[in-house]
């Protein structure tokens, strides 16, 4: 159970680590570093979606279940993007007009991504606990680490602008870190529910993959490709993809 708990908490720790940048950096994260992290996180999440979620899902169920779940994950994130105010990592606020404060908009924007990512870890852990050889706890932990890496710049994206608006470092850090608390909660919820709906595991896994891929396609890759240093982001993607592929094969 210790490994399960670690798998659920690691993504939250990634968000907290990124939020802690507010204590050490006086200005925004350097653009080149942000692009490296986003490119690397993109590679990690694409590889994790394929090897840790879609392939195990096809081993457990039919191609139609996996396809439906994948498209459902995309549709779910698309719907949330239309409903909840949304902020791109390297740009200003976008999406529907809202009376919410900028602080609330920033927190909601990252929480929008964090809950489905927590669900993805929960699905991987539930698959490992269900047995059958399609997923291992080690593979779920590798997925969790990959999501945590992606969460580091997201934590900084919340805490540093809040600090720039005049909030204290402690308050900025706390709000940034708390935006990631939904991940272990989402993961735990999926684990509890998965025990009762094991036949739906292929759909849940592919749904989580679709949600993660939506974040990559809609958020990370476009932002990493803008302006200068786009080649650095591409190199980061290749390294992230290769690392996650190796981790999943070796540890899974």
C-alpha atoms as a PDB file:
ATOM      1  CA  UNK A   1       0.000   0.000   0.000  1.00  0.00           C
ATOM      2  CA  UNK A   2       2.997   2.272   0.490  1.00  0.00           C
ATOM      3  CA  UNK A   3       3.692   2.262  -3.245  1.00  0.00           C
ATOM      4  CA  UNK A   4       0.046   3.091  -3.958  1.00  0.00           C
ATOM      5  CA  UNK A   5       0.169   6.079  -1.615  1.00  0.00           C
ATOM      6  CA  UNK A   6       3.429   7.313  -3.157  1.00  0.00           C
ATOM      7  CA  UNK A   7       1.983   7.000  -6.673  1.00  0.00           C
ATOM      8  CA  UNK A   8      -1.001   9.134  -5.670  1.00  0.00           C
ATOM      9  CA  UNK A   9       1.018  11.818  -3.869  1.00  0.00           C
ATOM     10  CA  UNK A  10       3.943  12.302  -6.272  1.00  0.00           C
ATOM     11  CA  UNK A  11       2.002  14.464  -8.798  1.00  0.00           C
ATOM     12  CA  UNK A  12       0.852  16.729  -5.965  1.00  0.00           C
ATOM     13  CA  UNK A  13       4.445  17.068  -4.800  1.00  0.00           C
ATOM     14  CA  UNK A  14       5.399  18.143  -8.334  1.00  0.00           C
ATOM     15  CA  UNK A  15       2.844  20.962  -8.170  1.00  0.00           C
ATOM     16  CA  UNK A  16       4.088  21.972  -4.713  1.00  0.00           C
ATOM     17  CA  UNK A  17       7.695  21.977  -5.931  1.00  0.00           C
ATOM     18  CA  UNK A  18       6.808  24.253  -8.830  1.00  0.00           C
ATOM     19  CA  UNK A  19       4.868  26.547  -6.494  1.00  0.00           C
ATOM     20  CA  UNK A  20       7.940  26.773  -4.254  1.00  0.00           C
ATOM     21  CA  UNK A  21       9.825  28.547  -7.051  1.00  0.00           C
ATOM     22  CA  UNK A  22       8.245  31.722  -5.689  1.00  0.00           C
ATOM     23  CA  UNK A  23      10.665  31.538  -2.737  1.00  0.00           C
ATOM     24  CA  UNK A  24      13.767  31.385  -4.918  1.00  0.00           C
ATOM     25  CA  UNK A  25      13.074  33.361  -8.106  1.00  0.00           C
ATOM     26  CA  UNK A  26      12.461  37.097  -8.280  1.00  0.00           C
ATOM     27  CA  UNK A  27      11.151  37.044 -11.833  1.00  0.00           C
ATOM     28  CA  UNK A  28       9.183  34.689 -14.035  1.00  0.00           C
ATOM     29  CA  UNK A  29      10.681  31.359 -14.998  1.00  0.00           C
ATOM     30  CA  UNK A  30      13.150  31.848 -17.901  1.00  0.00           C
ATOM     31  CA  UNK A  31      11.362  31.139 -21.222  1.00  0.00           C
ATOM     32  CA  UNK A  32      13.965  28.582 -22.315  1.00  0.00           C
ATOM     33  CA  UNK A  33      13.557  26.617 -19.064  1.00  0.00           C
ATOM     34  CA  UNK A  34       9.782  26.745 -19.351  1.00  0.00           C
ATOM     35  CA  UNK A  35       9.986  25.406 -22.904  1.00  0.00           C
ATOM     36  CA  UNK A  36      12.341  22.587 -21.909  1.00  0.00           C
ATOM     37  CA  UNK A  37      10.001  21.530 -19.112  1.00  0.00           C
ATOM     38  CA  UNK A  38       6.890  21.734 -21.293  1.00  0.00           C
ATOM     39  CA  UNK A  39       8.552  19.803 -24.109  1.00  0.00           C
ATOM     40  CA  UNK A  40       9.836  17.160 -21.707  1.00  0.00           C
ATOM     41  CA  UNK A  41       6.455  16.881 -19.987  1.00  0.00           C
ATOM     42  CA  UNK A  42       4.732  16.526 -23.372  1.00  0.00           C
ATOM     43  CA  UNK A  43       6.977  13.628 -24.334  1.00  0.00           C
ATOM     44  CA  UNK A  44       6.464  11.947 -20.976  1.00  0.00           C
ATOM     45  CA  UNK A  45       2.686  12.242 -21.116  1.00  0.00           C
ATOM     46  CA  UNK A  46       2.351  11.048 -24.722  1.00  0.00           C
ATOM     47  CA  UNK A  47       4.493   7.984 -23.999  1.00  0.00           C
ATOM     48  CA  UNK A  48       2.630   7.359 -20.741  1.00  0.00           C
ATOM     49  CA  UNK A  49      -0.720   7.587 -22.520  1.00  0.00           C
ATOM     50  CA  UNK A  50       0.363   4.966 -25.058  1.00  0.00           C
ATOM     51  CA  UNK A  51       2.359   2.473 -22.983  1.00  0.00           C
ATOM     52  CA  UNK A  52       0.783   2.911 -19.533  1.00  0.00           C
ATOM     53  CA  UNK A  53      -2.866   3.407 -20.484  1.00  0.00           C
ATOM     54  CA  UNK A  54      -3.902   2.648 -24.087  1.00  0.00           C
ATOM     55  CA  UNK A  55      -1.927  -0.557 -24.679  1.00  0.00           C
ATOM     56  CA  UNK A  56      -2.877  -2.062 -21.269  1.00  0.00           C
ATOM     57  CA  UNK A  57      -6.474  -1.029 -21.985  1.00  0.00           C
ATOM     58  CA  UNK A  58      -6.464  -2.922 -25.290  1.00  0.00           C
ATOM     59  CA  UNK A  59      -5.005  -5.953 -23.536  1.00  0.00           C
ATOM     60  CA  UNK A  60      -7.885  -5.903 -21.052  1.00  0.00           C
ATOM     61  CA  UNK A  61     -10.769  -5.010 -23.386  1.00  0.00           C
ATOM     62  CA  UNK A  62     -11.839  -4.393 -26.950  1.00  0.00           C
ATOM     63  CA  UNK A  63     -10.608  -1.764 -29.389  1.00  0.00           C
ATOM     64  CA  UNK A  64     -14.081  -0.219 -29.340  1.00  0.00           C
ATOM     65  CA  UNK A  65     -13.988   0.260 -25.571  1.00  0.00           C
ATOM     66  CA  UNK A  66     -10.571   1.890 -25.816  1.00  0.00           C
ATOM     67  CA  UNK A  67     -11.583   4.096 -28.738  1.00  0.00           C
ATOM     68  CA  UNK A  68     -14.751   5.230 -26.982  1.00  0.00           C
ATOM     69  CA  UNK A  69     -12.888   5.970 -23.777  1.00  0.00           C
ATOM     70  CA  UNK A  70     -10.158   7.879 -25.629  1.00  0.00           C
ATOM     71  CA  UNK A  71     -12.648  10.107 -27.447  1.00  0.00           C
ATOM     72  CA  UNK A  72     -14.597  10.535 -24.223  1.00  0.00           C
ATOM     73  CA  UNK A  73     -11.482  11.815 -22.463  1.00  0.00           C
ATOM     74  CA  UNK A  74     -10.907  14.364 -25.211  1.00  0.00           C
ATOM     75  CA  UNK A  75     -14.558  15.442 -25.116  1.00  0.00           C
ATOM     76  CA  UNK A  76     -14.535  15.773 -21.332  1.00  0.00           C
ATOM     77  CA  UNK A  77     -11.530  18.121 -21.311  1.00  0.00           C
ATOM     78  CA  UNK A  78     -12.935  20.067 -24.255  1.00  0.00           C
ATOM     79  CA  UNK A  79     -16.159  20.615 -22.330  1.00  0.00           C
ATOM     80  CA  UNK A  80     -14.306  21.742 -19.202  1.00  0.00           C
ATOM     81  CA  UNK A  81     -12.202  24.103 -21.291  1.00  0.00           C
ATOM     82  CA  UNK A  82     -15.397  25.784 -22.477  1.00  0.00           C
ATOM     83  CA  UNK A  83     -16.930  26.029 -19.000  1.00  0.00           C
ATOM     84  CA  UNK A  84     -14.039  26.931 -16.709  1.00  0.00           C
ATOM     85  CA  UNK A  85     -11.924  30.073 -17.192  1.00  0.00           C
ATOM     86  CA  UNK A  86      -8.679  29.050 -18.771  1.00  0.00           C
ATOM     87  CA  UNK A  87      -5.137  30.415 -18.735  1.00  0.00           C
ATOM     88  CA  UNK A  88      -2.330  29.357 -21.034  1.00  0.00           C
ATOM     89  CA  UNK A  89       1.088  28.884 -19.407  1.00  0.00           C
ATOM     90  CA  UNK A  90       2.913  31.617 -21.346  1.00  0.00           C
ATOM     91  CA  UNK A  91       0.005  33.890 -22.192  1.00  0.00           C
ATOM     92  CA  UNK A  92      -2.767  35.840 -20.561  1.00  0.00           C
ATOM     93  CA  UNK A  93      -6.190  34.667 -19.476  1.00  0.00           C
ATOM     94  CA  UNK A  94      -8.318  33.192 -22.198  1.00  0.00           C
ATOM     95  CA  UNK A  95     -11.763  31.643 -22.389  1.00  0.00           C
ATOM     96  CA  UNK A  96     -15.164  32.805 -21.213  1.00  0.00           C
ATOM     97  CA  UNK A  97     -15.455  36.148 -19.441  1.00  0.00           C
ATOM     98  CA  UNK A  98     -15.807  35.720 -15.723  1.00  0.00           C
ATOM     99  CA  UNK A  99     -16.317  37.792 -12.575  1.00  0.00           C
ATOM    100  CA  UNK A 100     -13.839  35.581 -10.780  1.00  0.00           C
ATOM    101  CA  UNK A 101     -10.675  37.244  -9.500  1.00  0.00           C
ATOM    102  CA  UNK A 102      -7.459  36.574 -11.349  1.00  0.00           C
ATOM    103  CA  UNK A 103      -6.285  34.522  -8.364  1.00  0.00           C
ATOM    104  CA  UNK A 104      -9.308  32.232  -8.650  1.00  0.00           C
ATOM    105  CA  UNK A 105      -8.938  32.014 -12.433  1.00  0.00           C
ATOM    106  CA  UNK A 106      -5.317  30.950 -12.143  1.00  0.00           C
ATOM    107  CA  UNK A 107      -6.146  28.267  -9.585  1.00  0.00           C
ATOM    108  CA  UNK A 108      -9.104  26.979 -11.614  1.00  0.00           C
ATOM    109  CA  UNK A 109      -7.066  26.842 -14.805  1.00  0.00           C
ATOM    110  CA  UNK A 110      -4.461  24.494 -13.356  1.00  0.00           C
ATOM    111  CA  UNK A 111      -6.988  22.513 -11.318  1.00  0.00           C
ATOM    112  CA  UNK A 112      -8.762  21.909 -14.642  1.00  0.00           C
ATOM    113  CA  UNK A 113      -5.751  19.880 -15.705  1.00  0.00           C
ATOM    114  CA  UNK A 114      -4.830  18.344 -12.373  1.00  0.00           C
ATOM    115  CA  UNK A 115      -8.001  16.394 -11.631  1.00  0.00           C
ATOM    116  CA  UNK A 116      -7.974  14.294 -14.835  1.00  0.00           C
ATOM    117  CA  UNK A 117      -4.243  13.701 -14.346  1.00  0.00           C
ATOM    118  CA  UNK A 118      -4.938  12.433 -10.835  1.00  0.00           C
ATOM    119  CA  UNK A 119      -7.606  10.192 -12.352  1.00  0.00           C
ATOM    120  CA  UNK A 120      -5.022   8.854 -14.802  1.00  0.00           C
ATOM    121  CA  UNK A 121      -2.746   7.791 -11.958  1.00  0.00           C
ATOM    122  CA  UNK A 122      -5.687   6.286 -10.097  1.00  0.00           C
ATOM    123  CA  UNK A 123      -6.658   4.265 -13.171  1.00  0.00           C
ATOM    124  CA  UNK A 124      -3.093   2.967 -13.549  1.00  0.00           C
ATOM    125  CA  UNK A 125      -2.918   2.012  -9.874  1.00  0.00           C
ATOM    126  CA  UNK A 126      -6.350   0.368 -10.007  1.00  0.00           C
ATOM    127  CA  UNK A 127      -5.230  -1.628 -13.053  1.00  0.00           C
ATOM    128  CA  UNK A 128      -2.175  -2.844 -11.151  1.00  0.00           C
ATOM    129  CA  UNK A 129      -4.239  -3.800  -8.112  1.00  0.00           C
ATOM    130  CA  UNK A 130      -6.692  -5.683 -10.318  1.00  0.00           C
ATOM    131  CA  UNK A 131      -3.876  -7.908 -11.585  1.00  0.00           C
ATOM    132  CA  UNK A 132      -3.806  -9.603 -14.950  1.00  0.00           C
ATOM    133  CA  UNK A 133      -0.337  -8.440 -15.888  1.00  0.00           C
ATOM    134  CA  UNK A 134      -1.381  -5.468 -18.018  1.00  0.00           C
ATOM    135  CA  UNK A 135      -0.121  -2.934 -15.489  1.00  0.00           C
ATOM    136  CA  UNK A 136       2.229  -2.998 -12.490  1.00  0.00           C
ATOM    137  CA  UNK A 137       2.615  -0.697  -9.511  1.00  0.00           C
ATOM    138  CA  UNK A 138       6.062   0.205 -10.850  1.00  0.00           C
ATOM    139  CA  UNK A 139       4.513   1.235 -14.154  1.00  0.00           C
ATOM    140  CA  UNK A 140       1.888   3.301 -12.326  1.00  0.00           C
ATOM    141  CA  UNK A 141       4.661   4.989 -10.339  1.00  0.00           C
ATOM    142  CA  UNK A 142       6.516   5.799 -13.561  1.00  0.00           C
ATOM    143  CA  UNK A 143       3.346   7.434 -14.894  1.00  0.00           C
ATOM    144  CA  UNK A 144       2.981   9.344 -11.640  1.00  0.00           C
ATOM    145  CA  UNK A 145       6.544  10.669 -11.868  1.00  0.00           C
ATOM    146  CA  UNK A 146       5.943  11.766 -15.459  1.00  0.00           C
ATOM    147  CA  UNK A 147       2.845  13.744 -14.473  1.00  0.00           C
ATOM    148  CA  UNK A 148       4.744  15.266 -11.542  1.00  0.00           C
ATOM    149  CA  UNK A 149       7.385  16.586 -13.936  1.00  0.00           C
ATOM    150  CA  UNK A 150       4.656  18.257 -15.976  1.00  0.00           C
ATOM    151  CA  UNK A 151       3.172  19.745 -12.807  1.00  0.00           C
ATOM    152  CA  UNK A 152       6.348  21.610 -11.837  1.00  0.00           C
ATOM    153  CA  UNK A 153       5.902  24.466 -14.342  1.00  0.00           C
ATOM    154  CA  UNK A 154       2.156  24.482 -13.651  1.00  0.00           C
ATOM    155  CA  UNK A 155       2.773  25.139  -9.955  1.00  0.00           C
ATOM    156  CA  UNK A 156       5.101  27.995 -10.854  1.00  0.00           C
ATOM    157  CA  UNK A 157       2.540  29.330 -13.331  1.00  0.00           C
ATOM    158  CA  UNK A 158       0.168  29.935 -10.410  1.00  0.00           C
ATOM    159  CA  UNK A 159       2.459  31.049  -7.591  1.00  0.00           C
ATOM    160  CA  UNK A 160       4.743  33.447  -9.464  1.00  0.00           C
ATOM    161  CA  UNK A 161       2.048  35.622 -11.105  1.00  0.00           C
ATOM    162  CA  UNK A 162       0.235  35.767  -7.761  1.00  0.00           C
ATOM    163  CA  UNK A 163       3.416  37.010  -6.133  1.00  0.00           C
ATOM    164  CA  UNK A 164       3.832  39.601  -8.893  1.00  0.00           C
ATOM    165  CA  UNK A 165       0.326  40.881  -8.120  1.00  0.00           C
ATOM    166  CA  UNK A 166       1.346  41.712  -4.548  1.00  0.00           C
ATOM    167  CA  UNK A 167       0.441  38.564  -2.634  1.00  0.00           C
ATOM    168  CA  UNK A 168       2.915  37.300  -0.054  1.00  0.00           C
ATOM    169  CA  UNK A 169       5.295  34.498  -0.994  1.00  0.00           C
ATOM    170  CA  UNK A 170       3.606  32.189   1.509  1.00  0.00           C
ATOM    171  CA  UNK A 171       0.105  32.885   0.201  1.00  0.00           C
ATOM    172  CA  UNK A 172       1.238  32.512  -3.416  1.00  0.00           C
ATOM    173  CA  UNK A 173       2.900  29.187  -2.611  1.00  0.00           C
ATOM    174  CA  UNK A 174      -0.110  27.905  -0.661  1.00  0.00           C
ATOM    175  CA  UNK A 175      -2.592  28.666  -3.440  1.00  0.00           C
ATOM    176  CA  UNK A 176      -0.295  27.116  -6.043  1.00  0.00           C
ATOM    177  CA  UNK A 177       0.302  23.972  -4.009  1.00  0.00           C
ATOM    178  CA  UNK A 178      -3.372  23.529  -3.116  1.00  0.00           C
ATOM    179  CA  UNK A 179      -4.296  23.541  -6.808  1.00  0.00           C
ATOM    180  CA  UNK A 180      -2.626  20.134  -6.972  1.00  0.00           C
ATOM    181  CA  UNK A 181      -4.411  18.573  -3.994  1.00  0.00           C
ATOM    182  CA  UNK A 182      -7.213  17.422  -6.297  1.00  0.00           C
ATOM    183  CA  UNK A 183      -4.824  14.941  -7.929  1.00  0.00           C
ATOM    184  CA  UNK A 184      -4.482  12.454  -5.052  1.00  0.00           C
ATOM    185  CA  UNK A 185      -8.194  12.943  -4.345  1.00  0.00           C
ATOM    186  CA  UNK A 186      -9.097  12.175  -7.957  1.00  0.00           C
ATOM    187  CA  UNK A 187      -6.775   9.178  -7.991  1.00  0.00           C
ATOM    188  CA  UNK A 188      -8.187   7.781  -4.743  1.00  0.00           C
ATOM    189  CA  UNK A 189     -11.746   8.249  -6.006  1.00  0.00           C
ATOM    190  CA  UNK A 190     -10.991   6.259  -9.152  1.00  0.00           C
ATOM    191  CA  UNK A 191      -9.367   3.461  -7.135  1.00  0.00           C
ATOM    192  CA  UNK A 192     -12.428   3.179  -4.895  1.00  0.00           C
ATOM    193  CA  UNK A 193     -14.825   3.173  -7.835  1.00  0.00           C
ATOM    194  CA  UNK A 194     -12.662   0.886  -9.972  1.00  0.00           C
ATOM    195  CA  UNK A 195     -12.975  -1.918  -7.465  1.00  0.00           C
ATOM    196  CA  UNK A 196     -16.682  -2.018  -8.274  1.00  0.00           C
ATOM    197  CA  UNK A 197     -16.400  -1.474 -12.019  1.00  0.00           C
ATOM    198  CA  UNK A 198     -13.418  -3.609 -13.010  1.00  0.00           C
ATOM    199  CA  UNK A 199     -15.011  -4.537 -16.383  1.00  0.00           C
ATOM    200  CA  UNK A 200     -14.926  -0.834 -17.265  1.00  0.00           C
ATOM    201  CA  UNK A 201     -11.177  -0.555 -16.650  1.00  0.00           C
ATOM    202  CA  UNK A 202     -10.271  -0.405 -20.384  1.00  0.00           C
ATOM    203  CA  UNK A 203     -12.663   2.523 -20.809  1.00  0.00           C
ATOM    204  CA  UNK A 204     -11.331   4.296 -17.719  1.00  0.00           C
ATOM    205  CA  UNK A 205      -7.721   3.850 -18.807  1.00  0.00           C
ATOM    206  CA  UNK A 206      -8.326   5.128 -22.321  1.00  0.00           C
ATOM    207  CA  UNK A 207     -10.470   7.972 -20.945  1.00  0.00           C
ATOM    208  CA  UNK A 208      -7.545   9.064 -18.782  1.00  0.00           C
ATOM    209  CA  UNK A 209      -5.237   8.797 -21.808  1.00  0.00           C
ATOM    210  CA  UNK A 210      -7.560  10.992 -23.850  1.00  0.00           C
ATOM    211  CA  UNK A 211      -7.639  13.614 -21.095  1.00  0.00           C
ATOM    212  CA  UNK A 212      -3.842  13.649 -20.879  1.00  0.00           C
ATOM    213  CA  UNK A 213      -3.377  13.832 -24.643  1.00  0.00           C
ATOM    214  CA  UNK A 214      -5.819  16.733 -24.808  1.00  0.00           C
ATOM    215  CA  UNK A 215      -3.650  18.673 -22.353  1.00  0.00           C
ATOM    216  CA  UNK A 216      -0.566  17.938 -24.463  1.00  0.00           C
ATOM    217  CA  UNK A 217      -2.147  18.897 -27.797  1.00  0.00           C
ATOM    218  CA  UNK A 218      -4.143  21.891 -26.556  1.00  0.00           C
ATOM    219  CA  UNK A 219      -1.710  23.317 -24.018  1.00  0.00           C
ATOM    220  CA  UNK A 220       1.843  22.103 -23.836  1.00  0.00           C
ATOM    221  CA  UNK A 221       2.929  21.642 -27.453  1.00  0.00           C
ATOM    222  CA  UNK A 222       1.459  24.911 -28.794  1.00  0.00           C
ATOM    223  CA  UNK A 223       2.993  26.911 -25.947  1.00  0.00           C
ATOM    224  CA  UNK A 224       6.360  25.179 -26.260  1.00  0.00           C
ATOM    225  CA  UNK A 225       6.451  25.830 -30.019  1.00  0.00           C
ATOM    226  CA  UNK A 226       5.869  29.575 -29.848  1.00  0.00           C
ATOM    227  CA  UNK A 227       8.651  32.129 -30.165  1.00  0.00           C
ATOM    228  CA  UNK A 228      12.304  31.353 -29.584  1.00  0.00           C
ATOM    229  CA  UNK A 229      13.806  28.169 -28.183  1.00  0.00           C
ATOM    230  CA  UNK A 230      11.237  25.921 -29.874  1.00  0.00           C
ATOM    231  CA  UNK A 231      14.018  23.525 -30.858  1.00  0.00           C
ATOM    232  CA  UNK A 232      14.871  23.112 -27.188  1.00  0.00           C
ATOM    233  CA  UNK A 233      11.272  22.116 -26.531  1.00  0.00           C
ATOM    234  CA  UNK A 234      11.461  19.544 -29.340  1.00  0.00           C
ATOM    235  CA  UNK A 235      14.602  18.033 -27.839  1.00  0.00           C
ATOM    236  CA  UNK A 236      12.864  17.994 -24.458  1.00  0.00           C
ATOM    237  CA  UNK A 237       9.908  16.149 -25.996  1.00  0.00           C
ATOM    238  CA  UNK A 238      12.191  13.487 -27.493  1.00  0.00           C
ATOM    239  CA  UNK A 239      14.024  12.972 -24.196  1.00  0.00           C
ATOM    240  CA  UNK A 240      10.786  12.841 -22.206  1.00  0.00           C
ATOM    241  CA  UNK A 241       9.175  10.365 -24.586  1.00  0.00           C
ATOM    242  CA  UNK A 242      12.261   8.127 -24.616  1.00  0.00           C
ATOM    243  CA  UNK A 243      12.620   8.211 -20.836  1.00  0.00           C
ATOM    244  CA  UNK A 244       8.968   7.342 -20.171  1.00  0.00           C
ATOM    245  CA  UNK A 245       9.055   4.574 -22.772  1.00  0.00           C
ATOM    246  CA  UNK A 246      12.115   3.015 -21.142  1.00  0.00           C
ATOM    247  CA  UNK A 247      10.713   3.402 -17.635  1.00  0.00           C
ATOM    248  CA  UNK A 248       7.433   1.794 -18.611  1.00  0.00           C
ATOM    249  CA  UNK A 249       9.073  -1.168 -20.361  1.00  0.00           C
ATOM    250  CA  UNK A 250      11.747  -1.739 -17.717  1.00  0.00           C
ATOM    251  CA  UNK A 251       9.626  -1.033 -14.629  1.00  0.00           C
ATOM    252  CA  UNK A 252       6.316  -2.257 -16.028  1.00  0.00           C
END
